[in-house]
Amino acid sequence: MSETRLSSKGQITLPRDIREYLKVKLGDKLRFRITDNGQVTVETTQYHIGELYGLLRREEQNPVSVSAMDEAVRNRFKAPR
């Protein structure tokens, strides 16, 4: 069992064994949940690819096909003649 102390700013340091178990690193986000029986769980924030759909969409831009993206990359990185 690991313990940590709450700082005056409400912050905690995750003990090394917990960080290693969760496979978290600097900048990762964690999610805290209170279960129905009153326990608090901590989990890493991971998204399913379906949750990210449309995240970067801008109203003024039309969707681009994968083949169009491939063509743009080929054109951008052509060796000069």
C-alpha atoms as a PDB file:
ATOM      1  CA  MET A   1       0.000   0.000   0.000  1.00  0.00           C
ATOM      2  CA  SER A   2       1.264   3.476  -0.876  1.00  0.00           C
ATOM      3  CA  GLU A   3       0.599   6.737   0.917  1.00  0.00           C
ATOM      4  CA  THR A   4       1.018  10.383   0.025  1.00  0.00           C
ATOM      5  CA  ARG A   5       0.305  13.692   1.715  1.00  0.00           C
ATOM      6  CA  LEU A   6      -2.007  16.471   0.539  1.00  0.00           C
ATOM      7  CA  SER A   7      -0.240  19.823   0.136  1.00  0.00           C
ATOM      8  CA  SER A   8      -1.641  23.199   1.208  1.00  0.00           C
ATOM      9  CA  LYS A   9      -2.567  23.744  -2.468  1.00  0.00           C
ATOM     10  CA  GLY A  10      -4.579  20.512  -2.598  1.00  0.00           C
ATOM     11  CA  GLN A  11      -1.905  18.694  -4.603  1.00  0.00           C
ATOM     12  CA  ILE A  12      -0.556  15.181  -4.185  1.00  0.00           C
ATOM     13  CA  THR A  13       2.500  13.380  -5.489  1.00  0.00           C
ATOM     14  CA  LEU A  14       1.748   9.930  -6.831  1.00  0.00           C
ATOM     15  CA  PRO A  15       4.127   7.397  -5.346  1.00  0.00           C
ATOM     16  CA  ARG A  16       6.509   5.790  -7.845  1.00  0.00           C
ATOM     17  CA  ASP A  17       4.890   2.357  -7.706  1.00  0.00           C
ATOM     18  CA  ILE A  18       1.488   3.884  -8.542  1.00  0.00           C
ATOM     19  CA  ARG A  19       2.947   5.935 -11.436  1.00  0.00           C
ATOM     20  CA  GLU A  20       4.616   2.821 -12.805  1.00  0.00           C
ATOM     21  CA  TYR A  21       1.433   0.757 -12.437  1.00  0.00           C
ATOM     22  CA  LEU A  22      -0.638   3.396 -14.247  1.00  0.00           C
ATOM     23  CA  LYS A  23       2.183   3.954 -16.782  1.00  0.00           C
ATOM     24  CA  VAL A  24       1.816   7.723 -16.419  1.00  0.00           C
ATOM     25  CA  LYS A  25       4.393  10.361 -17.195  1.00  0.00           C
ATOM     26  CA  LEU A  26       4.724  14.118 -16.933  1.00  0.00           C
ATOM     27  CA  GLY A  27       1.755  15.876 -18.518  1.00  0.00           C
ATOM     28  CA  ASP A  28      -0.565  12.851 -18.582  1.00  0.00           C
ATOM     29  CA  LYS A  29      -4.106  13.378 -17.362  1.00  0.00           C
ATOM     30  CA  LEU A  30      -5.748  11.321 -14.640  1.00  0.00           C
ATOM     31  CA  ARG A  31      -9.437  10.826 -13.979  1.00  0.00           C
ATOM     32  CA  PHE A  32     -10.833  10.546 -10.454  1.00  0.00           C
ATOM     33  CA  ARG A  33     -14.216   8.910  -9.888  1.00  0.00           C
ATOM     34  CA  ILE A  34     -16.317   8.359  -6.814  1.00  0.00           C
ATOM     35  CA  THR A  35     -17.974   4.954  -7.003  1.00  0.00           C
ATOM     36  CA  ASP A  36     -21.455   4.135  -5.739  1.00  0.00           C
ATOM     37  CA  ASN A  37     -19.973   2.653  -2.561  1.00  0.00           C
ATOM     38  CA  GLY A  38     -17.960   5.825  -1.832  1.00  0.00           C
ATOM     39  CA  GLN A  39     -14.525   4.668  -2.977  1.00  0.00           C
ATOM     40  CA  VAL A  40     -12.381   6.946  -5.124  1.00  0.00           C
ATOM     41  CA  THR A  41     -10.732   5.409  -8.170  1.00  0.00           C
ATOM     42  CA  VAL A  42      -7.890   6.870 -10.252  1.00  0.00           C
ATOM     43  CA  GLU A  43      -7.375   5.977 -13.889  1.00  0.00           C
ATOM     44  CA  THR A  44      -5.419   7.313 -16.815  1.00  0.00           C
ATOM     45  CA  THR A  45      -7.371   9.287 -19.374  1.00  0.00           C
ATOM     46  CA  GLN A  46      -7.397   7.302 -22.584  1.00  0.00           C
ATOM     47  CA  TYR A  47      -9.665   7.990 -25.493  1.00  0.00           C
ATOM     48  CA  HIS A  48     -11.155   5.587 -27.976  1.00  0.00           C
ATOM     49  CA  ILE A  49     -10.508   6.773 -31.526  1.00  0.00           C
ATOM     50  CA  GLY A  50     -14.258   7.229 -31.997  1.00  0.00           C
ATOM     51  CA  GLU A  51     -14.305   9.874 -29.266  1.00  0.00           C
ATOM     52  CA  LEU A  52     -11.820  11.981 -31.230  1.00  0.00           C
ATOM     53  CA  TYR A  53     -13.895  12.108 -34.432  1.00  0.00           C
ATOM     54  CA  GLY A  54     -14.476  15.705 -35.482  1.00  0.00           C
ATOM     55  CA  LEU A  55     -12.251  17.142 -32.775  1.00  0.00           C
ATOM     56  CA  LEU A  56     -10.192  19.194 -35.232  1.00  0.00           C
ATOM     57  CA  ARG A  57     -12.992  20.011 -37.659  1.00  0.00           C
ATOM     58  CA  ARG A  58     -13.432  23.666 -38.568  1.00  0.00           C
ATOM     59  CA  GLU A  59     -16.654  24.913 -40.087  1.00  0.00           C
ATOM     60  CA  GLU A  60     -14.853  26.775 -42.904  1.00  0.00           C
ATOM     61  CA  GLN A  61     -12.958  23.648 -44.035  1.00  0.00           C
ATOM     62  CA  ASN A  62     -14.261  20.794 -46.131  1.00  0.00           C
ATOM     63  CA  PRO A  63     -13.270  17.209 -45.313  1.00  0.00           C
ATOM     64  CA  VAL A  64     -10.230  15.865 -47.184  1.00  0.00           C
ATOM     65  CA  SER A  65      -9.895  12.273 -48.354  1.00  0.00           C
ATOM     66  CA  VAL A  66      -6.948  10.121 -47.377  1.00  0.00           C
ATOM     67  CA  SER A  67      -5.853   9.920 -51.021  1.00  0.00           C
ATOM     68  CA  ALA A  68      -5.864  13.740 -51.239  1.00  0.00           C
ATOM     69  CA  MET A  69      -3.734  13.916 -48.083  1.00  0.00           C
ATOM     70  CA  ASP A  70      -1.299  11.344 -49.526  1.00  0.00           C
ATOM     71  CA  GLU A  71      -1.044  13.372 -52.738  1.00  0.00           C
ATOM     72  CA  ALA A  72      -0.371  16.590 -50.791  1.00  0.00           C
ATOM     73  CA  VAL A  73       2.413  14.886 -48.846  1.00  0.00           C
ATOM     74  CA  ARG A  74       3.946  13.465 -52.051  1.00  0.00           C
ATOM     75  CA  ASN A  75       3.874  16.916 -53.677  1.00  0.00           C
ATOM     76  CA  ARG A  76       5.318  18.638 -50.607  1.00  0.00           C
ATOM     77  CA  PHE A  77       8.276  16.323 -50.292  1.00  0.00           C
ATOM     78  CA  LYS A  78       9.210  15.837 -53.950  1.00  0.00           C
ATOM     79  CA  ALA A  79      12.914  16.126 -54.546  1.00  0.00           C
ATOM     80  CA  PRO A  80      13.804  19.297 -56.486  1.00  0.00           C
ATOM     81  CA  ARG A  81      14.980  18.691 -60.047  1.00  0.00           C
END
